[in-house]
N, C-alpha and C. Protein backbone atom coordinates (compact mmCIF):
# COMPACT_ATOMS: atom_id res chain seq x y z
N UNK A 1 69.64 88.74 101.55
CA UNK A 1 70.95 88.99 102.09
C UNK A 1 70.84 89.50 103.50
N UNK A 2 71.56 88.90 104.38
CA UNK A 2 71.49 89.32 105.81
C UNK A 2 72.33 90.55 106.04
N UNK A 3 72.13 91.15 107.21
CA UNK A 3 72.87 92.36 107.59
C UNK A 3 74.36 92.06 107.66
N UNK A 4 74.71 90.92 108.24
CA UNK A 4 76.14 90.60 108.37
C UNK A 4 76.80 90.38 107.01
N UNK A 5 76.08 89.80 106.06
CA UNK A 5 76.61 89.65 104.71
C UNK A 5 76.79 91.04 104.02
N UNK A 6 75.85 91.87 104.27
CA UNK A 6 75.96 93.24 103.72
C UNK A 6 77.15 93.98 104.31
N UNK A 7 77.33 93.86 105.63
CA UNK A 7 78.49 94.49 106.28
C UNK A 7 79.82 93.94 105.74
N UNK A 8 79.85 92.62 105.54
CA UNK A 8 81.08 92.03 104.96
C UNK A 8 81.38 92.53 103.57
N UNK A 9 80.34 92.72 102.78
CA UNK A 9 80.52 93.24 101.42
C UNK A 9 81.00 94.71 101.48
N UNK A 10 80.43 95.50 102.35
CA UNK A 10 80.85 96.90 102.50
C UNK A 10 82.28 96.96 102.98
N UNK A 11 82.66 96.14 103.94
CA UNK A 11 84.05 96.10 104.41
C UNK A 11 85.01 95.69 103.31
N UNK A 12 84.60 94.76 102.47
CA UNK A 12 85.44 94.31 101.35
C UNK A 12 85.64 95.44 100.35
N UNK A 13 84.57 96.22 100.10
CA UNK A 13 84.70 97.33 99.18
C UNK A 13 85.60 98.42 99.79
N UNK A 14 85.46 98.66 101.08
CA UNK A 14 86.33 99.65 101.76
C UNK A 14 87.80 99.22 101.66
N UNK A 15 88.06 97.95 101.86
CA UNK A 15 89.45 97.47 101.73
C UNK A 15 89.96 97.59 100.32
N UNK A 16 89.09 97.33 99.37
CA UNK A 16 89.49 97.40 97.95
C UNK A 16 89.82 98.81 97.53
N UNK A 17 89.11 99.77 98.04
CA UNK A 17 89.32 101.20 97.65
C UNK A 17 89.93 102.01 98.78
N UNK A 18 90.69 101.38 99.65
CA UNK A 18 91.26 102.10 100.80
C UNK A 18 92.20 103.20 100.39
N UNK A 19 93.05 102.96 99.40
CA UNK A 19 93.97 103.97 98.94
C UNK A 19 93.25 105.18 98.35
N UNK A 20 92.23 104.92 97.56
CA UNK A 20 91.47 106.02 96.95
C UNK A 20 90.80 106.84 98.01
N UNK A 21 90.23 106.18 99.01
CA UNK A 21 89.55 106.89 100.08
C UNK A 21 90.56 107.74 100.87
N UNK A 22 91.76 107.21 101.11
CA UNK A 22 92.78 107.99 101.80
C UNK A 22 93.21 109.20 101.02
N UNK A 23 93.32 109.06 99.70
CA UNK A 23 93.71 110.20 98.84
C UNK A 23 92.62 111.26 98.90
N UNK A 24 91.36 110.88 98.83
CA UNK A 24 90.27 111.82 98.87
C UNK A 24 90.26 112.56 100.22
N UNK A 25 90.43 111.80 101.31
CA UNK A 25 90.48 112.42 102.64
C UNK A 25 91.63 113.37 102.78
N UNK A 26 92.81 112.93 102.32
CA UNK A 26 93.99 113.80 102.40
C UNK A 26 93.85 115.03 101.52
N UNK A 27 93.21 114.89 100.37
CA UNK A 27 93.03 116.06 99.49
C UNK A 27 92.18 117.11 100.15
N UNK A 28 91.11 116.65 100.83
CA UNK A 28 90.23 117.62 101.52
C UNK A 28 90.98 118.42 102.59
N UNK A 29 91.78 117.73 103.38
CA UNK A 29 92.59 118.39 104.41
C UNK A 29 93.61 119.33 103.78
N UNK A 30 94.28 118.84 102.71
CA UNK A 30 95.29 119.63 102.05
C UNK A 30 94.71 120.93 101.43
N UNK A 31 93.51 120.84 100.90
CA UNK A 31 92.88 122.02 100.33
C UNK A 31 92.54 123.01 101.45
N UNK A 32 92.09 122.50 102.59
CA UNK A 32 91.79 123.38 103.73
C UNK A 32 93.06 124.08 104.22
N UNK A 33 94.15 123.32 104.28
CA UNK A 33 95.43 123.89 104.72
C UNK A 33 95.87 124.95 103.75
N UNK A 34 95.79 124.70 102.46
CA UNK A 34 96.21 125.69 101.44
C UNK A 34 95.33 126.93 101.49
N UNK A 35 94.02 126.75 101.74
CA UNK A 35 93.12 127.91 101.84
C UNK A 35 93.43 128.75 103.06
N UNK A 36 93.81 128.12 104.18
CA UNK A 36 94.10 128.85 105.39
C UNK A 36 95.51 129.40 105.45
N UNK A 37 96.36 129.03 104.51
CA UNK A 37 97.79 129.43 104.52
C UNK A 37 97.89 130.93 104.23
N UNK A 38 98.55 131.63 105.13
CA UNK A 38 98.80 133.07 104.96
C UNK A 38 100.29 133.24 104.88
N UNK A 39 100.72 133.96 103.84
CA UNK A 39 102.15 134.13 103.65
C UNK A 39 102.78 134.92 104.80
N UNK A 40 102.05 135.84 105.37
CA UNK A 40 102.61 136.65 106.45
C UNK A 40 102.72 135.85 107.75
N UNK A 41 101.83 134.90 107.94
CA UNK A 41 101.82 134.08 109.16
C UNK A 41 101.44 132.65 108.80
N UNK A 42 102.33 131.89 108.17
CA UNK A 42 101.95 130.50 107.81
C UNK A 42 101.86 129.60 109.06
N UNK A 43 101.02 128.59 108.98
CA UNK A 43 100.89 127.68 110.15
C UNK A 43 102.20 126.91 110.37
N UNK A 44 102.47 126.56 111.59
CA UNK A 44 103.63 125.77 111.92
C UNK A 44 103.42 124.33 111.34
N UNK A 45 104.54 123.68 111.05
CA UNK A 45 104.51 122.35 110.44
C UNK A 45 103.75 121.36 111.29
N UNK A 46 104.00 121.38 112.59
CA UNK A 46 103.34 120.37 113.44
C UNK A 46 101.82 120.63 113.49
N UNK A 47 101.36 121.85 113.31
CA UNK A 47 99.94 122.09 113.25
C UNK A 47 99.29 121.49 112.02
N UNK A 48 100.00 121.57 110.91
CA UNK A 48 99.47 121.02 109.65
C UNK A 48 99.43 119.49 109.76
N UNK A 49 100.51 118.92 110.25
CA UNK A 49 100.59 117.45 110.41
C UNK A 49 99.48 117.00 111.36
N UNK A 50 99.22 117.77 112.40
CA UNK A 50 98.18 117.38 113.36
C UNK A 50 96.81 117.37 112.67
N UNK A 51 96.58 118.28 111.73
CA UNK A 51 95.33 118.32 110.99
C UNK A 51 95.14 117.04 110.18
N UNK A 52 96.23 116.56 109.55
CA UNK A 52 96.16 115.31 108.80
C UNK A 52 95.90 114.14 109.73
N UNK A 53 96.57 114.13 110.90
CA UNK A 53 96.42 113.03 111.84
C UNK A 53 94.99 113.06 112.45
N UNK A 54 94.46 114.23 112.70
CA UNK A 54 93.11 114.34 113.22
C UNK A 54 92.05 113.83 112.23
N UNK A 55 92.38 113.92 110.97
CA UNK A 55 91.45 113.44 109.91
C UNK A 55 91.51 111.90 109.81
N UNK A 56 92.39 111.27 110.56
CA UNK A 56 92.47 109.81 110.55
C UNK A 56 93.49 109.25 109.59
N UNK A 57 94.36 110.10 109.06
CA UNK A 57 95.39 109.64 108.12
C UNK A 57 96.65 109.26 108.89
N UNK A 58 97.04 108.03 108.80
CA UNK A 58 98.28 107.56 109.42
C UNK A 58 99.27 107.28 108.37
N UNK A 59 100.47 107.80 108.51
CA UNK A 59 101.52 107.66 107.50
C UNK A 59 102.86 107.63 108.16
N UNK A 60 103.80 107.00 107.50
CA UNK A 60 105.19 107.04 107.99
C UNK A 60 106.01 108.06 107.19
N UNK A 61 105.35 108.87 106.39
CA UNK A 61 106.07 109.85 105.59
C UNK A 61 105.69 111.28 106.00
N UNK A 62 105.43 111.50 107.27
CA UNK A 62 105.17 112.87 107.72
C UNK A 62 106.43 113.73 107.55
N UNK A 63 107.59 113.10 107.56
CA UNK A 63 108.85 113.85 107.35
C UNK A 63 108.91 114.46 105.98
N UNK A 64 108.44 113.74 104.93
CA UNK A 64 108.42 114.27 103.58
C UNK A 64 107.48 115.49 103.52
N UNK A 65 106.34 115.38 104.16
CA UNK A 65 105.38 116.49 104.17
C UNK A 65 106.00 117.69 104.91
N UNK A 66 106.63 117.43 106.05
CA UNK A 66 107.24 118.52 106.77
C UNK A 66 108.32 119.23 105.96
N UNK A 67 109.11 118.45 105.23
CA UNK A 67 110.13 119.05 104.37
C UNK A 67 109.53 119.95 103.31
N UNK A 68 108.45 119.47 102.70
CA UNK A 68 107.80 120.28 101.67
C UNK A 68 107.18 121.56 102.23
N UNK A 69 106.57 121.45 103.41
CA UNK A 69 105.98 122.63 104.06
C UNK A 69 107.04 123.63 104.44
N UNK A 70 108.15 123.17 104.97
CA UNK A 70 109.26 124.05 105.34
C UNK A 70 109.82 124.76 104.09
N UNK A 71 109.94 124.01 102.97
CA UNK A 71 110.45 124.61 101.73
C UNK A 71 109.47 125.65 101.20
N UNK A 72 108.17 125.38 101.30
CA UNK A 72 107.17 126.36 100.86
C UNK A 72 107.25 127.60 101.73
N UNK A 73 107.40 127.40 103.00
CA UNK A 73 107.50 128.54 103.92
C UNK A 73 108.76 129.37 103.59
N UNK A 74 109.87 128.68 103.34
CA UNK A 74 111.13 129.39 103.06
C UNK A 74 111.02 130.16 101.72
N UNK A 75 110.38 129.58 100.74
CA UNK A 75 110.20 130.23 99.44
C UNK A 75 109.08 131.27 99.42
N UNK A 76 108.34 131.36 100.53
CA UNK A 76 107.22 132.27 100.66
C UNK A 76 106.14 131.94 99.60
N UNK A 77 105.83 130.63 99.46
CA UNK A 77 104.82 130.17 98.53
C UNK A 77 103.69 129.47 99.27
N UNK A 78 102.56 129.40 98.65
CA UNK A 78 101.46 128.62 99.19
C UNK A 78 101.61 127.20 98.68
N UNK A 79 101.58 126.20 99.56
CA UNK A 79 101.80 124.80 99.09
C UNK A 79 100.63 124.33 98.24
N UNK A 80 100.96 123.51 97.25
CA UNK A 80 99.94 122.90 96.42
C UNK A 80 99.31 121.70 97.16
N UNK A 81 97.96 121.62 97.17
CA UNK A 81 97.31 120.49 97.86
C UNK A 81 97.75 119.15 97.30
N UNK A 82 97.86 119.03 95.98
CA UNK A 82 98.22 117.78 95.37
C UNK A 82 99.63 117.31 95.79
N UNK A 83 100.53 118.26 95.93
CA UNK A 83 101.90 117.90 96.32
C UNK A 83 101.92 117.48 97.81
N UNK A 84 101.11 118.15 98.59
CA UNK A 84 101.04 117.77 100.03
C UNK A 84 100.53 116.31 100.14
N UNK A 85 99.51 115.98 99.36
CA UNK A 85 99.00 114.59 99.39
C UNK A 85 100.07 113.59 98.93
N UNK A 86 100.77 113.96 97.85
CA UNK A 86 101.78 113.04 97.31
C UNK A 86 102.96 112.87 98.28
N UNK A 87 103.29 113.91 99.00
CA UNK A 87 104.38 113.80 99.98
C UNK A 87 103.94 113.01 101.21
N UNK A 88 102.66 113.06 101.49
CA UNK A 88 102.15 112.28 102.62
C UNK A 88 101.89 110.82 102.26
N UNK A 89 101.31 110.60 101.10
CA UNK A 89 100.97 109.24 100.63
C UNK A 89 101.77 108.97 99.37
N UNK A 90 102.83 108.28 99.45
CA UNK A 90 103.74 108.08 98.31
C UNK A 90 103.06 107.37 97.15
N UNK A 91 102.07 106.55 97.40
CA UNK A 91 101.41 105.82 96.28
C UNK A 91 100.54 106.76 95.47
N UNK A 92 100.32 107.98 95.92
CA UNK A 92 99.47 108.93 95.20
C UNK A 92 100.18 109.41 93.94
N UNK A 93 101.48 109.21 93.80
CA UNK A 93 102.21 109.60 92.59
C UNK A 93 101.79 108.73 91.42
N UNK A 94 101.21 107.57 91.63
CA UNK A 94 100.78 106.72 90.56
C UNK A 94 99.73 107.46 89.67
N UNK A 95 99.90 107.32 88.35
CA UNK A 95 99.02 108.06 87.45
C UNK A 95 97.59 107.66 87.50
N UNK A 96 97.29 106.50 88.02
CA UNK A 96 95.86 106.11 88.07
C UNK A 96 95.08 106.93 89.11
N UNK A 97 95.80 107.68 89.98
CA UNK A 97 95.12 108.51 90.97
C UNK A 97 95.07 109.98 90.56
N UNK A 98 95.49 110.31 89.33
CA UNK A 98 95.54 111.71 88.90
C UNK A 98 94.15 112.35 88.95
N UNK A 99 93.16 111.65 88.56
CA UNK A 99 91.79 112.22 88.53
C UNK A 99 91.31 112.53 89.95
N UNK A 100 91.73 111.74 90.94
CA UNK A 100 91.32 112.01 92.30
C UNK A 100 91.95 113.27 92.84
N UNK A 101 93.11 113.59 92.37
CA UNK A 101 93.83 114.76 92.89
C UNK A 101 93.53 116.05 92.16
N UNK A 102 92.88 115.97 91.02
CA UNK A 102 92.61 117.19 90.23
C UNK A 102 93.83 118.06 90.17
N UNK A 103 94.85 117.57 89.55
CA UNK A 103 96.17 118.17 89.60
C UNK A 103 96.13 119.65 89.26
N UNK A 104 96.70 120.45 90.19
CA UNK A 104 96.86 121.91 89.96
C UNK A 104 98.33 122.24 90.08
N UNK A 105 99.15 121.35 89.60
CA UNK A 105 100.59 121.48 89.75
C UNK A 105 101.23 122.21 88.56
N UNK A 106 102.43 122.73 88.76
CA UNK A 106 103.15 123.31 87.64
C UNK A 106 103.45 122.25 86.60
N UNK A 107 103.77 122.63 85.35
CA UNK A 107 104.04 121.67 84.32
C UNK A 107 105.21 120.76 84.67
N UNK A 108 105.09 119.51 84.28
CA UNK A 108 106.14 118.54 84.56
C UNK A 108 107.29 118.68 83.60
N UNK A 109 108.50 118.53 84.11
CA UNK A 109 109.72 118.48 83.29
C UNK A 109 110.45 117.22 83.67
N UNK A 110 110.96 116.45 82.73
CA UNK A 110 111.69 115.25 83.09
C UNK A 110 112.89 115.53 83.95
N UNK A 111 113.13 114.67 84.91
CA UNK A 111 114.24 114.80 85.84
C UNK A 111 114.79 113.43 86.19
N UNK A 112 116.07 113.30 86.21
CA UNK A 112 116.73 112.04 86.57
C UNK A 112 116.29 110.91 85.65
N UNK A 113 115.94 111.19 84.43
CA UNK A 113 115.53 110.14 83.51
C UNK A 113 114.15 109.57 83.75
N UNK A 114 113.41 110.18 84.68
CA UNK A 114 112.07 109.67 84.99
C UNK A 114 111.05 110.71 84.51
N UNK A 115 110.26 110.42 83.51
CA UNK A 115 109.37 111.42 82.95
C UNK A 115 108.23 111.82 83.92
N UNK A 116 107.96 111.01 84.94
CA UNK A 116 106.86 111.30 85.85
C UNK A 116 107.32 112.17 87.05
N UNK A 117 108.60 112.35 87.24
CA UNK A 117 109.09 113.05 88.38
C UNK A 117 109.22 114.55 88.10
N UNK A 118 108.42 115.37 88.77
CA UNK A 118 108.51 116.80 88.49
C UNK A 118 109.80 117.42 88.97
N UNK A 119 110.08 118.62 88.50
CA UNK A 119 111.34 119.31 88.82
C UNK A 119 111.39 119.65 90.30
N UNK A 120 110.28 120.00 90.91
CA UNK A 120 110.30 120.51 92.28
C UNK A 120 110.41 119.40 93.32
N UNK A 121 110.56 118.16 92.90
CA UNK A 121 110.71 117.05 93.85
C UNK A 121 112.18 116.89 94.23
């Protein structure tokens, strides 16, 4: 097998598991944000979003993440890393990604007739 064939195979695997890799990357950043979160002086929303962008995560749902962070700040709570990832990457709500997120969320309660949608959404 030549080097170019090997590179093509690696690129194909990266494309195949792109969503999983994004979730893992986002989870690492979200855990760092939650660890650094201080209730007396929480980071500004744009600083948190900048951390996700600096990690190479591009998303059109930064507004959802900003909303969740503002709500956490208003309620004086530390945001859950799994919820941050799900608000940033909407496909992370799919149950096949649950193991990647190591859910540390509150118990789910059915809402709007959807058993997968938690109360806090």
